[in-house]
Amino acid sequence: MLIRDETANDIPAISRVVTEALKLLPQATGTEADIVETLRTQGALALSLVAEEEGLVIGYLAASAARIGEQHGWGLIGPLAVLPSRHRQGIGSALMSEALRRLRTDSRGAALVGDPTYYARFGFRAFPGLKVAGCPPEVVQALPFDSTEPRGELIHHPAFGLGQQA
């Protein structure tokens, strides 16, 4: 398996992987591939990584700029998607490890909204006062790369449709 930056030829496969993987989640809206496309066309993807095996895209991870309260410099992970037929094979972990390695070079930390059990393995955790309107606090998580304690609203790119801007 190879983890690499996306190319223009990957875009249809990325949409398929994101759509297939995320439709299994109860909170999925069906717009996740559109969010990625909007981030891409607006030049807002800090990272756009694919997992490739035998020439096929089997996983995807996006990261975009975010802020927490007034703290700029956070990398927002999402979506992270792996083809359902390839779950539990370490593909998501490989994508996340590479994303965190790259984000450490120029970010204050990484943040996301997701399953606390899954993301704890990478060091993500909920913090008192870290929030996203309408989300249970335990799913709003961060991984600071220094001693910063994130406090405030996790502000996403407008592509996520949350009405606020990083």
C-alpha atoms as a PDB file:
ATOM      1  CA  MET A   1       0.000   0.000   0.000  1.00  0.00           C
ATOM      2  CA  LEU A   2       1.184   3.479  -0.900  1.00  0.00           C
ATOM      3  CA  ILE A   3       0.101   6.692   0.888  1.00  0.00           C
ATOM      4  CA  ARG A   4       0.542   9.694  -1.412  1.00  0.00           C
ATOM      5  CA  ASP A   5      -0.868  13.079  -2.383  1.00  0.00           C
ATOM      6  CA  GLU A   6      -3.907  13.012  -4.628  1.00  0.00           C
ATOM      7  CA  THR A   7      -3.599  13.658  -8.345  1.00  0.00           C
ATOM      8  CA  ALA A   8      -6.270  14.979 -10.696  1.00  0.00           C
ATOM      9  CA  ASN A   9      -6.825  11.428 -11.961  1.00  0.00           C
ATOM     10  CA  ASP A  10      -7.774  10.319  -8.418  1.00  0.00           C
ATOM     11  CA  ILE A  11     -10.709  12.707  -8.009  1.00  0.00           C
ATOM     12  CA  PRO A  12     -13.516  10.371  -9.237  1.00  0.00           C
ATOM     13  CA  ALA A  13     -12.166   7.501  -7.113  1.00  0.00           C
ATOM     14  CA  ILE A  14     -11.890   9.777  -4.067  1.00  0.00           C
ATOM     15  CA  SER A  15     -15.555  10.754  -4.434  1.00  0.00           C
ATOM     16  CA  ARG A  16     -16.532   7.091  -4.673  1.00  0.00           C
ATOM     17  CA  VAL A  17     -14.467   6.065  -1.639  1.00  0.00           C
ATOM     18  CA  VAL A  18     -15.789   8.941   0.492  1.00  0.00           C
ATOM     19  CA  THR A  19     -19.404   8.286  -0.509  1.00  0.00           C
ATOM     20  CA  GLU A  20     -19.248   4.502  -0.014  1.00  0.00           C
ATOM     21  CA  ALA A  21     -17.381   4.663   3.282  1.00  0.00           C
ATOM     22  CA  LEU A  22     -19.356   7.426   4.933  1.00  0.00           C
ATOM     23  CA  LYS A  23     -22.830   6.221   3.955  1.00  0.00           C
ATOM     24  CA  LEU A  24     -22.327   3.526   6.613  1.00  0.00           C
ATOM     25  CA  LEU A  25     -22.268   6.178   9.361  1.00  0.00           C
ATOM     26  CA  PRO A  26     -25.576   7.232  10.911  1.00  0.00           C
ATOM     27  CA  GLN A  27     -24.522  10.904  10.947  1.00  0.00           C
ATOM     28  CA  ALA A  28     -23.597  10.899   7.236  1.00  0.00           C
ATOM     29  CA  THR A  29     -25.387  13.504   5.165  1.00  0.00           C
ATOM     30  CA  GLY A  30     -24.472  12.238   1.706  1.00  0.00           C
ATOM     31  CA  THR A  31     -22.703  15.538   1.015  1.00  0.00           C
ATOM     32  CA  GLU A  32     -19.235  14.500   2.185  1.00  0.00           C
ATOM     33  CA  ALA A  33     -17.786  14.085  -1.332  1.00  0.00           C
ATOM     34  CA  ASP A  34     -19.193  17.526  -2.217  1.00  0.00           C
ATOM     35  CA  ILE A  35     -17.451  18.997   0.833  1.00  0.00           C
ATOM     36  CA  VAL A  36     -14.133  17.585  -0.373  1.00  0.00           C
ATOM     37  CA  GLU A  37     -14.744  18.944  -3.875  1.00  0.00           C
ATOM     38  CA  THR A  38     -15.559  22.405  -2.500  1.00  0.00           C
ATOM     39  CA  LEU A  39     -12.420  22.377  -0.339  1.00  0.00           C
ATOM     40  CA  ARG A  40     -10.413  21.343  -3.411  1.00  0.00           C
ATOM     41  CA  THR A  41     -11.841  23.967  -5.772  1.00  0.00           C
ATOM     42  CA  GLN A  42     -11.382  26.709  -3.165  1.00  0.00           C
ATOM     43  CA  GLY A  43      -7.765  25.728  -2.551  1.00  0.00           C
ATOM     44  CA  ALA A  44      -8.543  24.879   1.069  1.00  0.00           C
ATOM     45  CA  LEU A  45      -7.094  21.359   1.245  1.00  0.00           C
ATOM     46  CA  ALA A  46      -3.962  21.457   3.382  1.00  0.00           C
ATOM     47  CA  LEU A  47      -3.658  17.701   2.807  1.00  0.00           C
ATOM     48  CA  SER A  48      -5.397  15.421   0.359  1.00  0.00           C
ATOM     49  CA  LEU A  49      -3.970  11.938   0.807  1.00  0.00           C
ATOM     50  CA  VAL A  50      -4.913   8.707  -0.907  1.00  0.00           C
ATOM     51  CA  ALA A  51      -4.124   5.137   0.013  1.00  0.00           C
ATOM     52  CA  GLU A  52      -3.433   3.238  -3.173  1.00  0.00           C
ATOM     53  CA  GLU A  53      -3.007  -0.457  -3.740  1.00  0.00           C
ATOM     54  CA  GLU A  54      -2.372  -2.022  -7.132  1.00  0.00           C
ATOM     55  CA  GLY A  55      -3.335   1.255  -8.814  1.00  0.00           C
ATOM     56  CA  LEU A  56      -6.678   1.558  -6.989  1.00  0.00           C
ATOM     57  CA  VAL A  57      -7.635   4.235  -4.472  1.00  0.00           C
ATOM     58  CA  ILE A  58      -8.819   2.373  -1.368  1.00  0.00           C
ATOM     59  CA  GLY A  59      -8.709   5.166   1.213  1.00  0.00           C
ATOM     60  CA  TYR A  60      -8.697   8.927   1.550  1.00  0.00           C
ATOM     61  CA  LEU A  61      -7.939  11.620   4.130  1.00  0.00           C
ATOM     62  CA  ALA A  62      -8.492  15.363   3.857  1.00  0.00           C
ATOM     63  CA  ALA A  63      -7.187  18.085   6.152  1.00  0.00           C
ATOM     64  CA  SER A  64      -8.010  21.766   6.009  1.00  0.00           C
ATOM     65  CA  ALA A  65      -7.176  24.834   8.065  1.00  0.00           C
ATOM     66  CA  ALA A  66      -9.226  25.407  11.198  1.00  0.00           C
ATOM     67  CA  ARG A  67      -9.161  27.485  14.323  1.00  0.00           C
ATOM     68  CA  ILE A  68     -10.279  26.815  17.841  1.00  0.00           C
ATOM     69  CA  GLY A  69     -11.716  29.924  19.428  1.00  0.00           C
ATOM     70  CA  GLU A  70      -9.094  32.553  18.572  1.00  0.00           C
ATOM     71  CA  GLN A  71      -6.293  29.986  18.135  1.00  0.00           C
ATOM     72  CA  HIS A  72      -5.352  29.784  14.463  1.00  0.00           C
ATOM     73  CA  GLY A  73      -3.038  27.137  13.047  1.00  0.00           C
ATOM     74  CA  TRP A  74      -5.023  23.946  13.622  1.00  0.00           C
ATOM     75  CA  GLY A  75      -5.403  21.244  10.982  1.00  0.00           C
ATOM     76  CA  LEU A  76      -8.915  19.815  10.722  1.00  0.00           C
ATOM     77  CA  ILE A  77      -8.933  16.135   9.757  1.00  0.00           C
ATOM     78  CA  GLY A  78     -11.938  15.054   7.779  1.00  0.00           C
ATOM     79  CA  PRO A  79     -13.140  13.165   6.071  1.00  0.00           C
ATOM     80  CA  LEU A  80     -11.137  10.008   6.655  1.00  0.00           C
ATOM     81  CA  ALA A  81     -12.625   7.244   4.520  1.00  0.00           C
ATOM     82  CA  VAL A  82     -11.730   3.670   3.601  1.00  0.00           C
ATOM     83  CA  LEU A  83     -13.639   1.411   1.229  1.00  0.00           C
ATOM     84  CA  PRO A  84     -15.953  -0.743   3.379  1.00  0.00           C
ATOM     85  CA  SER A  85     -14.502  -3.932   1.895  1.00  0.00           C
ATOM     86  CA  ARG A  86     -11.075  -2.851   3.194  1.00  0.00           C
ATOM     87  CA  HIS A  87     -11.982  -1.915   6.781  1.00  0.00           C
ATOM     88  CA  ARG A  88      -9.833  -3.234   9.656  1.00  0.00           C
ATOM     89  CA  GLN A  89      -6.718  -3.589   7.499  1.00  0.00           C
ATOM     90  CA  GLY A  90      -4.771  -0.593   8.843  1.00  0.00           C
ATOM     91  CA  ILE A  91      -5.517   1.693   5.905  1.00  0.00           C
ATOM     92  CA  GLY A  92      -7.167   4.437   7.969  1.00  0.00           C
ATOM     93  CA  SER A  93      -4.365   4.219  10.532  1.00  0.00           C
ATOM     94  CA  ALA A  94      -1.729   4.577   7.809  1.00  0.00           C
ATOM     95  CA  LEU A  95      -3.502   7.626   6.368  1.00  0.00           C
ATOM     96  CA  MET A  96      -3.854   9.208   9.815  1.00  0.00           C
ATOM     97  CA  SER A  97      -0.221   8.544  10.752  1.00  0.00           C
ATOM     98  CA  GLU A  98       1.004  10.215   7.566  1.00  0.00           C
ATOM     99  CA  ALA A  99      -1.366  13.159   7.998  1.00  0.00           C
ATOM    100  CA  LEU A 100      -0.219  13.759  11.581  1.00  0.00           C
ATOM    101  CA  ARG A 101       3.428  13.486  10.554  1.00  0.00           C
ATOM    102  CA  ARG A 102       2.910  16.168   7.900  1.00  0.00           C
ATOM    103  CA  LEU A 103       0.735  18.435  10.048  1.00  0.00           C
ATOM    104  CA  ARG A 104       3.333  18.461  12.838  1.00  0.00           C
ATOM    105  CA  THR A 105       5.685  20.481  10.623  1.00  0.00           C
ATOM    106  CA  ASP A 106       3.501  23.596  10.494  1.00  0.00           C
ATOM    107  CA  SER A 107       0.401  23.242  12.670  1.00  0.00           C
ATOM    108  CA  ARG A 108      -0.416  23.904  16.306  1.00  0.00           C
ATOM    109  CA  GLY A 109      -2.277  20.596  16.370  1.00  0.00           C
ATOM    110  CA  ALA A 110      -4.965  18.518  14.712  1.00  0.00           C
ATOM    111  CA  ALA A 111      -8.681  18.476  15.440  1.00  0.00           C
ATOM    112  CA  LEU A 112     -11.660  16.467  14.255  1.00  0.00           C
ATOM    113  CA  VAL A 113     -15.185  15.359  14.954  1.00  0.00           C
ATOM    114  CA  GLY A 114     -15.413  11.593  15.212  1.00  0.00           C
ATOM    115  CA  ASP A 115     -15.582   8.384  17.203  1.00  0.00           C
ATOM    116  CA  PRO A 116     -13.596   8.843  20.451  1.00  0.00           C
ATOM    117  CA  THR A 117     -12.779   5.138  20.663  1.00  0.00           C
ATOM    118  CA  TYR A 118     -11.201   5.057  17.208  1.00  0.00           C
ATOM    119  CA  TYR A 119      -9.317   8.372  17.362  1.00  0.00           C
ATOM    120  CA  ALA A 120      -7.938   7.894  20.894  1.00  0.00           C
ATOM    121  CA  ARG A 121      -5.369   5.480  19.424  1.00  0.00           C
ATOM    122  CA  PHE A 122      -3.740   8.477  17.712  1.00  0.00           C
ATOM    123  CA  GLY A 123      -3.790  10.643  20.836  1.00  0.00           C
ATOM    124  CA  PHE A 124      -6.962  12.632  20.128  1.00  0.00           C
ATOM    125  CA  ARG A 125      -9.185  13.485  23.079  1.00  0.00           C
ATOM    126  CA  ALA A 126     -11.999  15.800  24.082  1.00  0.00           C
ATOM    127  CA  PHE A 127     -11.087  18.926  26.053  1.00  0.00           C
ATOM    128  CA  PRO A 128     -13.307  20.950  28.395  1.00  0.00           C
ATOM    129  CA  GLY A 129     -14.620  23.900  26.427  1.00  0.00           C
ATOM    130  CA  LEU A 130     -13.784  22.463  22.984  1.00  0.00           C
ATOM    131  CA  LYS A 131     -17.017  22.327  21.030  1.00  0.00           C
ATOM    132  CA  VAL A 132     -18.902  22.331  17.767  1.00  0.00           C
ATOM    133  CA  ALA A 133     -22.489  23.545  17.932  1.00  0.00           C
ATOM    134  CA  GLY A 134     -24.894  20.621  17.757  1.00  0.00           C
ATOM    135  CA  CYS A 135     -22.252  17.933  18.382  1.00  0.00           C
ATOM    136  CA  PRO A 136     -21.889  15.881  21.556  1.00  0.00           C
ATOM    137  CA  PRO A 137     -18.738  17.140  23.334  1.00  0.00           C
ATOM    138  CA  GLU A 138     -17.077  13.726  23.415  1.00  0.00           C
ATOM    139  CA  VAL A 139     -16.839  13.578  19.598  1.00  0.00           C
ATOM    140  CA  VAL A 140     -15.132  16.972  19.269  1.00  0.00           C
ATOM    141  CA  GLN A 141     -11.465  16.134  19.760  1.00  0.00           C
ATOM    142  CA  ALA A 142      -8.019  17.601  19.380  1.00  0.00           C
ATOM    143  CA  LEU A 143      -4.394  16.533  19.434  1.00  0.00           C
ATOM    144  CA  PRO A 144      -2.201  19.520  20.353  1.00  0.00           C
ATOM    145  CA  PHE A 145       1.394  19.271  19.124  1.00  0.00           C
ATOM    146  CA  ASP A 146       2.610  21.451  22.001  1.00  0.00           C
ATOM    147  CA  SER A 147       1.312  22.385  25.460  1.00  0.00           C
ATOM    148  CA  THR A 148      -1.636  24.359  24.036  1.00  0.00           C
ATOM    149  CA  GLU A 149      -4.994  23.441  25.543  1.00  0.00           C
ATOM    150  CA  PRO A 150      -7.676  23.996  22.922  1.00  0.00           C
ATOM    151  CA  ARG A 151     -10.659  25.985  24.199  1.00  0.00           C
ATOM    152  CA  GLY A 152     -13.546  27.350  22.211  1.00  0.00           C
ATOM    153  CA  GLU A 153     -15.520  26.553  19.103  1.00  0.00           C
ATOM    154  CA  LEU A 154     -13.800  24.406  16.466  1.00  0.00           C
ATOM    155  CA  ILE A 155     -14.242  26.577  13.388  1.00  0.00           C
ATOM    156  CA  HIS A 156     -14.351  24.703  10.068  1.00  0.00           C
ATOM    157  CA  HIS A 157     -14.094  25.919   6.471  1.00  0.00           C
ATOM    158  CA  PRO A 158     -17.507  27.091   5.139  1.00  0.00           C
ATOM    159  CA  ALA A 159     -17.624  23.991   2.876  1.00  0.00           C
ATOM    160  CA  PHE A 160     -18.715  22.012   5.946  1.00  0.00           C
ATOM    161  CA  GLY A 161     -21.924  24.077   6.108  1.00  0.00           C
ATOM    162  CA  LEU A 162     -21.617  25.055   9.758  1.00  0.00           C
ATOM    163  CA  GLY A 163     -21.968  28.785   9.112  1.00  0.00           C
ATOM    164  CA  GLN A 164     -18.564  29.802  10.432  1.00  0.00           C
ATOM    165  CA  GLN A 165     -15.232  30.337   8.806  1.00  0.00           C
ATOM    166  CA  ALA A 166     -11.705  29.345   9.799  1.00  0.00           C
END
